[in-house]
N, C-alpha and C. Protein backbone atom coordinates (compact mmCIF):
# COMPACT_ATOMS: atom_id res chain seq x y z
N MET A 1 -29.38 -23.68 -49.65
CA MET A 1 -28.73 -24.13 -48.56
C MET A 1 -27.24 -24.28 -48.82
N LYS A 2 -26.85 -24.94 -49.79
CA LYS A 2 -25.65 -25.34 -50.24
C LYS A 2 -24.70 -24.15 -50.58
N ILE A 3 -25.58 -23.18 -51.37
CA ILE A 3 -24.83 -21.69 -51.36
C ILE A 3 -24.65 -21.10 -50.24
N LEU A 4 -25.28 -20.85 -49.28
CA LEU A 4 -25.00 -20.42 -47.96
C LEU A 4 -23.74 -21.16 -47.40
N THR A 5 -23.61 -22.23 -47.42
CA THR A 5 -22.41 -22.92 -46.79
C THR A 5 -21.13 -22.78 -47.42
N THR A 6 -21.21 -22.79 -48.67
CA THR A 6 -20.04 -22.60 -49.68
C THR A 6 -19.75 -21.06 -49.41
N LEU A 7 -20.50 -20.18 -49.28
CA LEU A 7 -20.25 -18.75 -49.05
C LEU A 7 -19.57 -18.63 -47.40
N ALA A 8 -20.22 -19.08 -46.58
CA ALA A 8 -19.50 -19.35 -45.16
C ALA A 8 -18.05 -19.71 -45.23
N VAL A 9 -17.97 -20.78 -45.78
CA VAL A 9 -16.48 -21.50 -45.96
C VAL A 9 -15.81 -20.25 -46.46
N SER A 10 -16.01 -19.79 -47.63
CA SER A 10 -15.48 -18.72 -48.53
C SER A 10 -14.73 -17.80 -47.71
N VAL A 11 -15.93 -17.01 -47.01
CA VAL A 11 -15.51 -16.02 -45.93
C VAL A 11 -14.41 -16.16 -44.92
N VAL A 12 -14.60 -17.57 -44.45
CA VAL A 12 -13.51 -17.94 -43.44
C VAL A 12 -12.09 -18.21 -44.14
N LEU A 13 -12.01 -18.81 -45.38
CA LEU A 13 -10.98 -19.04 -45.92
C LEU A 13 -10.25 -17.76 -46.35
N LEU A 14 -11.13 -16.66 -46.75
CA LEU A 14 -10.66 -15.53 -47.41
C LEU A 14 -10.06 -14.48 -46.42
N ASN A 15 -10.43 -14.85 -45.14
CA ASN A 15 -10.09 -13.98 -43.83
C ASN A 15 -9.19 -14.87 -43.10
N PRO A 16 -7.81 -14.87 -43.30
CA PRO A 16 -6.99 -15.83 -42.29
C PRO A 16 -6.94 -15.26 -40.86
N ALA A 17 -6.87 -13.96 -40.84
CA ALA A 17 -6.81 -13.54 -39.48
C ALA A 17 -7.67 -14.22 -38.48
N GLN A 18 -8.95 -14.47 -39.02
CA GLN A 18 -9.72 -14.99 -38.29
C GLN A 18 -9.53 -16.40 -37.87
N ALA A 19 -8.69 -16.99 -38.84
CA ALA A 19 -8.75 -18.45 -38.68
C ALA A 19 -7.58 -18.93 -37.70
N VAL A 20 -6.88 -17.98 -37.27
CA VAL A 20 -5.62 -18.13 -36.10
C VAL A 20 -6.30 -18.08 -34.75
N GLN A 21 -6.15 -19.06 -34.02
CA GLN A 21 -6.59 -18.92 -32.65
C GLN A 21 -5.59 -18.57 -31.64
N LYS A 22 -5.72 -17.81 -30.52
CA LYS A 22 -4.95 -17.24 -29.63
C LYS A 22 -4.73 -18.50 -28.51
N PRO A 23 -3.70 -19.36 -28.53
CA PRO A 23 -3.25 -20.28 -27.47
C PRO A 23 -3.67 -19.61 -26.07
N SER A 24 -4.14 -20.65 -25.31
CA SER A 24 -4.55 -20.13 -23.77
C SER A 24 -3.17 -19.45 -22.99
N SER A 25 -2.01 -19.92 -23.54
CA SER A 25 -1.03 -19.40 -22.84
C SER A 25 -0.37 -18.06 -23.29
N HIS A 26 -0.99 -17.60 -24.28
CA HIS A 26 -0.41 -16.29 -24.77
C HIS A 26 -1.26 -15.20 -24.09
N THR A 27 -0.60 -14.10 -24.10
CA THR A 27 -1.21 -12.95 -23.70
C THR A 27 -2.29 -12.35 -24.73
N LYS A 28 -3.31 -11.83 -24.57
CA LYS A 28 -4.26 -11.59 -25.66
C LYS A 28 -3.94 -10.01 -25.85
N GLY A 29 -3.65 -9.11 -25.14
CA GLY A 29 -3.35 -7.76 -25.48
C GLY A 29 -4.16 -6.93 -24.99
N THR A 30 -3.62 -5.58 -24.57
CA THR A 30 -4.79 -4.41 -24.33
C THR A 30 -4.18 -3.54 -25.03
N PRO A 31 -5.21 -2.65 -25.88
CA PRO A 31 -4.52 -1.41 -26.36
C PRO A 31 -4.81 -0.30 -25.39
N THR A 32 -3.82 0.55 -25.60
CA THR A 32 -3.82 1.67 -24.64
C THR A 32 -3.78 3.09 -25.64
N GLY A 33 -4.23 3.86 -24.84
CA GLY A 33 -4.52 5.20 -25.79
C GLY A 33 -3.37 6.29 -25.97
N THR A 34 -2.12 5.84 -25.53
CA THR A 34 -1.01 6.82 -25.36
C THR A 34 0.17 6.22 -26.29
N PRO A 35 0.90 7.18 -26.98
CA PRO A 35 2.06 6.56 -27.82
C PRO A 35 3.45 6.91 -26.90
N ALA A 36 3.01 7.29 -25.63
CA ALA A 36 4.41 7.32 -24.70
C ALA A 36 4.03 6.70 -23.33
N GLY A 37 5.05 6.88 -22.55
CA GLY A 37 4.94 6.40 -21.17
C GLY A 37 5.21 4.84 -21.19
N PRO A 38 5.11 4.35 -19.93
CA PRO A 38 5.38 2.86 -19.60
C PRO A 38 4.40 2.13 -19.90
N LEU A 39 4.48 1.04 -20.55
CA LEU A 39 3.41 -0.26 -20.71
C LEU A 39 3.57 -1.26 -19.77
N GLN A 40 2.43 -1.75 -19.40
CA GLN A 40 2.24 -2.93 -18.66
C GLN A 40 2.38 -4.01 -19.58
N PRO A 41 2.70 -5.31 -19.09
CA PRO A 41 2.90 -6.56 -19.75
C PRO A 41 1.43 -6.64 -20.62
N GLY A 42 1.72 -6.97 -21.91
CA GLY A 42 0.54 -7.04 -22.78
C GLY A 42 0.09 -5.60 -23.27
N GLU A 43 0.32 -4.70 -22.71
CA GLU A 43 -0.20 -3.35 -23.43
C GLU A 43 0.37 -2.88 -24.51
N TYR A 44 -0.32 -2.51 -25.54
CA TYR A 44 0.20 -1.96 -26.86
C TYR A 44 -0.36 -0.71 -27.33
N TRP A 45 0.17 0.15 -28.31
CA TRP A 45 -0.58 1.40 -29.01
C TRP A 45 -0.40 1.21 -30.17
N TRP A 46 -1.46 1.32 -31.15
CA TRP A 46 -1.35 1.00 -32.57
C TRP A 46 -2.16 2.21 -33.34
N GLN A 47 -1.38 2.88 -34.23
CA GLN A 47 -2.21 3.92 -35.00
C GLN A 47 -1.45 3.92 -36.46
N PRO A 48 -1.52 3.04 -37.03
CA PRO A 48 -1.06 3.11 -38.58
C PRO A 48 -1.56 4.16 -39.45
N GLN A 49 -2.42 4.60 -39.29
CA GLN A 49 -3.28 5.70 -40.07
C GLN A 49 -2.09 7.02 -39.88
N LEU A 50 -1.48 6.90 -39.17
CA LEU A 50 -0.37 8.28 -38.96
C LEU A 50 0.57 8.39 -40.03
N SER A 51 0.74 7.37 -40.46
CA SER A 51 1.67 7.17 -41.65
C SER A 51 1.64 5.82 -42.46
N PRO A 52 0.57 6.00 -43.49
CA PRO A 52 -0.02 4.78 -44.10
C PRO A 52 1.10 4.06 -45.34
N GLY A 53 2.12 4.53 -45.45
CA GLY A 53 2.89 4.24 -46.25
C GLY A 53 4.29 4.77 -46.24
N GLY A 54 5.23 3.66 -46.85
CA GLY A 54 6.79 3.91 -46.58
C GLY A 54 7.45 2.81 -45.80
N PRO A 55 8.78 2.80 -45.77
CA PRO A 55 9.48 1.70 -45.26
C PRO A 55 8.99 1.68 -43.72
N LEU A 56 9.20 0.52 -43.29
CA LEU A 56 8.71 0.29 -42.00
C LEU A 56 9.99 -0.39 -41.26
N VAL A 57 10.31 0.03 -40.04
CA VAL A 57 11.21 -0.03 -39.07
C VAL A 57 10.72 -0.74 -37.72
N VAL A 58 11.13 -1.82 -37.25
CA VAL A 58 10.89 -2.28 -35.88
C VAL A 58 12.13 -2.20 -34.98
N LEU A 59 12.21 -1.37 -34.02
CA LEU A 59 13.02 -1.42 -33.01
C LEU A 59 12.50 -2.20 -31.64
N VAL A 60 13.51 -2.91 -31.15
CA VAL A 60 13.12 -3.80 -30.07
C VAL A 60 14.33 -3.26 -28.76
N SER A 61 13.69 -2.71 -27.78
CA SER A 61 14.62 -2.53 -26.74
C SER A 61 14.73 -3.88 -25.73
N VAL A 62 15.73 -4.46 -25.59
CA VAL A 62 15.93 -5.60 -24.60
C VAL A 62 15.72 -5.37 -23.37
N PRO A 63 16.60 -4.13 -22.81
CA PRO A 63 16.69 -3.69 -21.32
C PRO A 63 15.20 -3.30 -21.24
N GLY A 64 14.42 -2.49 -22.15
CA GLY A 64 12.89 -1.93 -21.63
C GLY A 64 11.99 -2.94 -21.90
N GLN A 65 12.22 -4.15 -22.44
CA GLN A 65 11.16 -4.93 -22.81
C GLN A 65 9.90 -4.14 -23.82
N ILE A 66 10.50 -3.58 -24.81
CA ILE A 66 9.42 -2.93 -25.61
C ILE A 66 9.95 -2.64 -26.95
N MET A 67 8.84 -2.78 -27.86
CA MET A 67 9.05 -2.64 -29.27
C MET A 67 8.33 -1.11 -29.87
N HIS A 68 9.01 -0.81 -30.64
CA HIS A 68 8.59 0.52 -31.39
C HIS A 68 8.49 0.47 -32.90
N VAL A 69 7.45 0.62 -33.47
CA VAL A 69 7.03 0.54 -35.04
C VAL A 69 7.22 1.83 -35.74
N TYR A 70 7.99 2.06 -36.51
CA TYR A 70 7.91 3.21 -37.32
C TYR A 70 7.79 3.09 -38.81
N CYS A 71 6.70 3.73 -39.58
CA CYS A 71 6.74 3.79 -40.89
C CYS A 71 7.00 5.29 -41.30
N ASN A 72 7.72 4.90 -42.43
CA ASN A 72 8.60 6.24 -42.83
C ASN A 72 8.99 7.34 -42.00
N GLY A 73 9.34 6.88 -41.02
CA GLY A 73 10.07 7.26 -39.85
C GLY A 73 9.26 8.06 -38.78
N ILE A 74 8.10 7.73 -38.93
CA ILE A 74 6.90 8.11 -37.93
C ILE A 74 6.20 7.00 -36.96
N LEU A 75 6.42 7.10 -35.76
CA LEU A 75 5.96 6.03 -34.78
C LEU A 75 4.41 5.88 -35.03
N ILE A 76 4.28 4.50 -35.27
CA ILE A 76 2.97 4.22 -35.63
C ILE A 76 2.57 3.07 -34.50
N GLY A 77 3.45 2.35 -33.69
CA GLY A 77 3.04 1.53 -32.82
C GLY A 77 4.07 1.20 -31.86
N ARG A 78 3.72 0.63 -30.78
CA ARG A 78 4.51 0.10 -29.53
C ARG A 78 3.92 -0.84 -28.85
N SER A 79 4.67 -1.63 -28.18
CA SER A 79 4.29 -2.79 -27.67
C SER A 79 5.21 -3.39 -26.66
N SER A 80 4.74 -3.75 -25.61
CA SER A 80 5.15 -4.61 -24.35
C SER A 80 5.69 -5.80 -25.33
N VAL A 81 7.24 -6.46 -24.68
CA VAL A 81 7.24 -7.70 -25.36
C VAL A 81 8.10 -8.52 -24.29
N SER A 82 8.60 -9.81 -24.63
CA SER A 82 9.31 -10.57 -23.83
C SER A 82 10.43 -11.24 -24.83
N THR A 83 11.67 -10.89 -24.26
CA THR A 83 12.68 -11.41 -25.16
C THR A 83 13.52 -12.46 -24.28
N GLY A 84 14.80 -12.96 -24.90
CA GLY A 84 15.41 -14.02 -24.38
C GLY A 84 15.89 -13.84 -23.11
N SER A 85 15.89 -15.00 -22.28
CA SER A 85 16.02 -15.22 -20.87
C SER A 85 17.46 -15.46 -20.87
N LYS A 86 17.98 -15.33 -19.52
CA LYS A 86 19.25 -15.87 -19.34
C LYS A 86 19.79 -16.83 -20.01
N GLY A 87 20.84 -17.01 -20.80
CA GLY A 87 21.40 -18.31 -21.48
C GLY A 87 20.52 -18.43 -22.89
N HIS A 88 19.67 -17.79 -23.17
CA HIS A 88 19.00 -17.67 -24.50
C HIS A 88 18.71 -16.26 -24.95
N ALA A 89 19.71 -15.59 -24.99
CA ALA A 89 19.86 -14.01 -25.37
C ALA A 89 19.04 -13.89 -26.90
N THR A 90 18.02 -12.86 -26.85
CA THR A 90 17.89 -12.30 -28.12
C THR A 90 18.90 -11.62 -28.78
N PRO A 91 19.55 -12.13 -29.96
CA PRO A 91 20.52 -11.47 -30.61
C PRO A 91 20.23 -9.81 -31.02
N GLY A 92 21.31 -8.94 -30.89
CA GLY A 92 21.05 -7.82 -31.21
C GLY A 92 21.62 -7.55 -32.78
N GLY A 93 21.31 -6.48 -33.32
CA GLY A 93 21.58 -6.58 -34.92
C GLY A 93 20.32 -6.08 -35.59
N VAL A 94 20.71 -5.99 -37.04
CA VAL A 94 19.67 -5.68 -37.95
C VAL A 94 19.17 -6.78 -38.77
N PHE A 95 17.96 -6.74 -38.75
CA PHE A 95 17.42 -8.32 -39.53
C PHE A 95 16.11 -7.87 -40.38
N SER A 96 16.21 -8.66 -41.35
CA SER A 96 15.06 -8.65 -42.44
C SER A 96 14.24 -9.82 -42.12
N ILE A 97 12.71 -9.67 -42.34
CA ILE A 97 11.96 -10.82 -42.15
C ILE A 97 11.98 -11.73 -43.27
N LEU A 98 12.54 -13.01 -43.01
CA LEU A 98 13.02 -14.00 -43.90
C LEU A 98 11.69 -15.02 -44.30
N GLU A 99 10.76 -15.20 -43.36
CA GLU A 99 9.53 -15.85 -43.43
C GLU A 99 8.47 -15.45 -42.64
N LYS A 100 7.14 -15.88 -42.94
CA LYS A 100 6.06 -15.33 -42.19
C LYS A 100 5.06 -16.43 -42.32
N LYS A 101 4.40 -16.95 -41.07
CA LYS A 101 3.54 -18.02 -41.21
C LYS A 101 2.42 -17.36 -40.06
N GLN A 102 0.96 -17.57 -40.36
CA GLN A 102 -0.04 -16.99 -39.40
C GLN A 102 0.08 -18.19 -38.27
N GLU A 103 -0.01 -19.65 -38.86
CA GLU A 103 -0.04 -20.34 -37.98
C GLU A 103 1.33 -21.39 -37.95
N HIS A 104 2.32 -21.40 -36.93
CA HIS A 104 3.44 -21.97 -36.90
C HIS A 104 3.72 -22.59 -35.53
N TYR A 105 4.53 -23.95 -35.72
CA TYR A 105 4.58 -24.59 -34.29
C TYR A 105 6.25 -24.69 -34.43
N SER A 106 6.69 -24.70 -33.38
CA SER A 106 8.01 -24.89 -33.20
C SER A 106 8.66 -26.30 -33.13
N LYS A 107 9.76 -26.43 -33.76
CA LYS A 107 10.19 -27.59 -34.30
C LYS A 107 11.30 -28.02 -33.21
N LYS A 108 11.51 -26.87 -32.55
CA LYS A 108 12.67 -27.02 -31.33
C LYS A 108 12.36 -27.43 -30.04
N TYR A 109 11.04 -26.88 -29.73
CA TYR A 109 10.42 -26.70 -28.48
C TYR A 109 8.97 -27.27 -28.49
N ASN A 110 8.88 -28.67 -28.44
CA ASN A 110 7.60 -29.39 -28.02
C ASN A 110 6.59 -28.82 -29.01
N ASN A 111 6.75 -28.34 -30.03
CA ASN A 111 5.65 -28.23 -30.98
C ASN A 111 4.84 -27.20 -30.66
N ALA A 112 5.72 -26.19 -29.72
CA ALA A 112 4.85 -25.07 -29.12
C ALA A 112 4.33 -24.12 -30.10
N PRO A 113 3.10 -23.34 -29.86
CA PRO A 113 2.39 -22.49 -31.03
C PRO A 113 3.10 -21.11 -31.02
N MET A 114 3.23 -20.75 -32.33
CA MET A 114 4.07 -19.45 -32.33
C MET A 114 2.97 -18.92 -33.40
N PRO A 115 1.69 -18.09 -33.05
CA PRO A 115 1.10 -17.72 -34.02
C PRO A 115 1.60 -16.27 -34.52
N ASN A 116 1.22 -15.82 -35.79
CA ASN A 116 1.89 -14.84 -36.37
C ASN A 116 3.24 -14.55 -36.46
N MET A 117 3.91 -15.92 -36.62
CA MET A 117 5.46 -15.87 -36.85
C MET A 117 5.91 -15.17 -37.82
N GLN A 118 7.13 -14.42 -37.56
CA GLN A 118 7.92 -13.73 -38.44
C GLN A 118 9.56 -13.97 -38.06
N ARG A 119 10.07 -14.98 -38.91
CA ARG A 119 11.38 -15.26 -38.79
C ARG A 119 12.42 -14.08 -39.05
N LEU A 120 13.25 -14.24 -38.19
CA LEU A 120 14.47 -13.11 -38.31
C LEU A 120 15.75 -13.76 -38.39
N THR A 121 15.91 -15.02 -38.24
CA THR A 121 17.01 -15.95 -38.36
C THR A 121 16.79 -17.19 -38.77
N TRP A 122 17.62 -17.84 -39.37
CA TRP A 122 17.36 -19.25 -39.82
C TRP A 122 17.87 -20.11 -38.55
N THR A 123 18.21 -19.54 -37.60
CA THR A 123 18.45 -20.66 -36.34
C THR A 123 17.27 -20.67 -35.42
N GLY A 124 16.22 -19.99 -35.78
CA GLY A 124 15.26 -19.98 -34.97
C GLY A 124 14.57 -18.78 -34.18
N ILE A 125 15.08 -17.61 -34.53
CA ILE A 125 14.94 -16.39 -33.79
C ILE A 125 13.76 -15.70 -34.36
N CYS A 126 12.44 -15.61 -33.99
CA CYS A 126 11.38 -15.03 -34.56
C CYS A 126 10.69 -13.82 -33.61
N MET A 127 10.04 -13.10 -34.22
CA MET A 127 8.62 -12.49 -33.43
C MET A 127 7.25 -13.22 -33.57
N HIS A 128 6.75 -13.54 -32.35
CA HIS A 128 5.36 -13.99 -32.61
C HIS A 128 4.65 -13.76 -31.33
N SER A 129 3.41 -14.25 -31.43
CA SER A 129 2.52 -13.99 -30.24
C SER A 129 3.11 -14.96 -29.06
N GLY A 130 3.00 -14.57 -27.70
CA GLY A 130 3.33 -15.42 -26.65
C GLY A 130 3.01 -14.93 -25.18
N ASN A 131 3.46 -15.54 -24.30
CA ASN A 131 3.26 -15.26 -22.83
C ASN A 131 4.09 -14.13 -22.63
N LEU A 132 3.68 -13.00 -21.96
CA LEU A 132 4.33 -11.74 -21.58
C LEU A 132 4.19 -11.87 -20.01
N PRO A 133 5.23 -11.99 -19.22
CA PRO A 133 5.48 -11.99 -17.89
C PRO A 133 5.99 -10.89 -17.28
N GLY A 134 6.38 -9.69 -18.17
CA GLY A 134 7.01 -8.63 -17.62
C GLY A 134 8.39 -8.47 -17.70
N HIS A 135 8.86 -9.48 -18.02
CA HIS A 135 10.72 -9.78 -18.03
C HIS A 135 10.91 -10.71 -19.32
N PRO A 136 12.31 -10.96 -19.41
CA PRO A 136 12.72 -11.84 -20.47
C PRO A 136 12.53 -13.10 -20.12
N ALA A 137 11.83 -14.11 -21.01
CA ALA A 137 11.40 -15.34 -20.65
C ALA A 137 11.30 -16.30 -21.68
N SER A 138 11.89 -15.65 -23.21
CA SER A 138 11.85 -16.71 -24.24
C SER A 138 13.04 -17.35 -24.40
N HIS A 139 13.06 -18.35 -25.47
CA HIS A 139 14.39 -18.88 -25.82
C HIS A 139 15.07 -18.26 -26.85
N GLY A 140 14.68 -16.66 -26.74
CA GLY A 140 15.67 -15.70 -27.79
C GLY A 140 14.69 -15.10 -28.73
N CYS A 141 13.37 -15.73 -28.95
CA CYS A 141 12.37 -15.03 -29.75
C CYS A 141 11.72 -13.70 -29.02
N ILE A 142 11.29 -12.98 -29.89
CA ILE A 142 10.55 -11.68 -29.33
C ILE A 142 9.19 -12.03 -29.23
N ARG A 143 8.57 -12.24 -28.05
CA ARG A 143 7.15 -12.43 -27.63
C ARG A 143 6.46 -11.18 -28.02
N LEU A 144 5.17 -11.01 -28.37
CA LEU A 144 4.27 -10.02 -28.73
C LEU A 144 2.93 -10.26 -27.95
N PRO A 145 2.12 -9.35 -27.65
CA PRO A 145 0.77 -9.73 -27.29
C PRO A 145 0.10 -10.27 -28.65
N PHE A 146 -0.97 -10.96 -28.35
CA PHE A 146 -1.63 -11.62 -29.63
C PHE A 146 -2.27 -10.79 -30.54
N ASP A 147 -2.91 -9.76 -30.03
CA ASP A 147 -3.56 -8.88 -30.88
C ASP A 147 -2.53 -7.89 -31.83
N PHE A 148 -1.58 -7.68 -30.84
CA PHE A 148 -0.55 -6.74 -31.77
C PHE A 148 0.24 -7.47 -32.65
N SER A 149 0.22 -8.90 -32.22
CA SER A 149 1.03 -9.66 -33.43
C SER A 149 0.29 -9.74 -34.61
N GLN A 150 -0.96 -9.74 -34.51
CA GLN A 150 -1.95 -9.92 -35.73
C GLN A 150 -1.57 -8.43 -36.67
N LEU A 151 -1.49 -7.38 -35.50
CA LEU A 151 -1.61 -6.08 -36.35
C LEU A 151 -0.11 -5.81 -37.13
N LEU A 152 0.98 -6.41 -36.56
CA LEU A 152 2.03 -6.04 -37.05
C LEU A 152 2.45 -7.07 -38.40
N PHE A 153 1.82 -8.27 -38.14
CA PHE A 153 1.95 -9.29 -39.34
C PHE A 153 1.29 -8.77 -40.36
N SER A 154 0.16 -7.98 -40.25
CA SER A 154 -0.51 -7.33 -41.45
C SER A 154 0.37 -6.30 -42.11
N VAL A 155 1.00 -5.69 -41.67
CA VAL A 155 1.76 -4.64 -42.25
C VAL A 155 3.23 -4.71 -42.76
N THR A 156 3.69 -5.96 -42.04
CA THR A 156 5.09 -6.17 -42.80
C THR A 156 5.02 -7.06 -44.07
């Protein structure tokens, strides 16, 4: 019996994606079957097998509230997002991921959960799972559907 308990704990520890829980206020996400056209809040499309290797580029359209993910120049994913609200604009520019943490909590905003956090600036701008109301609503971060945030986290 002790061996089975050890094995069960080992499996949980070796599979960190299972360990991260979706906060109740975050959008789970809904896969869609099409790589084009409008996306409803929380919808995403993900096909990494279309280009299994090469440089990864993520483009975010603030006006369109959408993210496109390219691998080796080929579209492999896209998702609805929620960017910074008025007075908390998401900055434009070219960024590299500075830090990644599957389980992270905001030091600035009441310990708010930020699952699958990928830091873009040292001033607190990140990509992470969050609520997607269909319009800009964050404090500058790029919020993603929870399911999509896990997929993106796994390839960056």
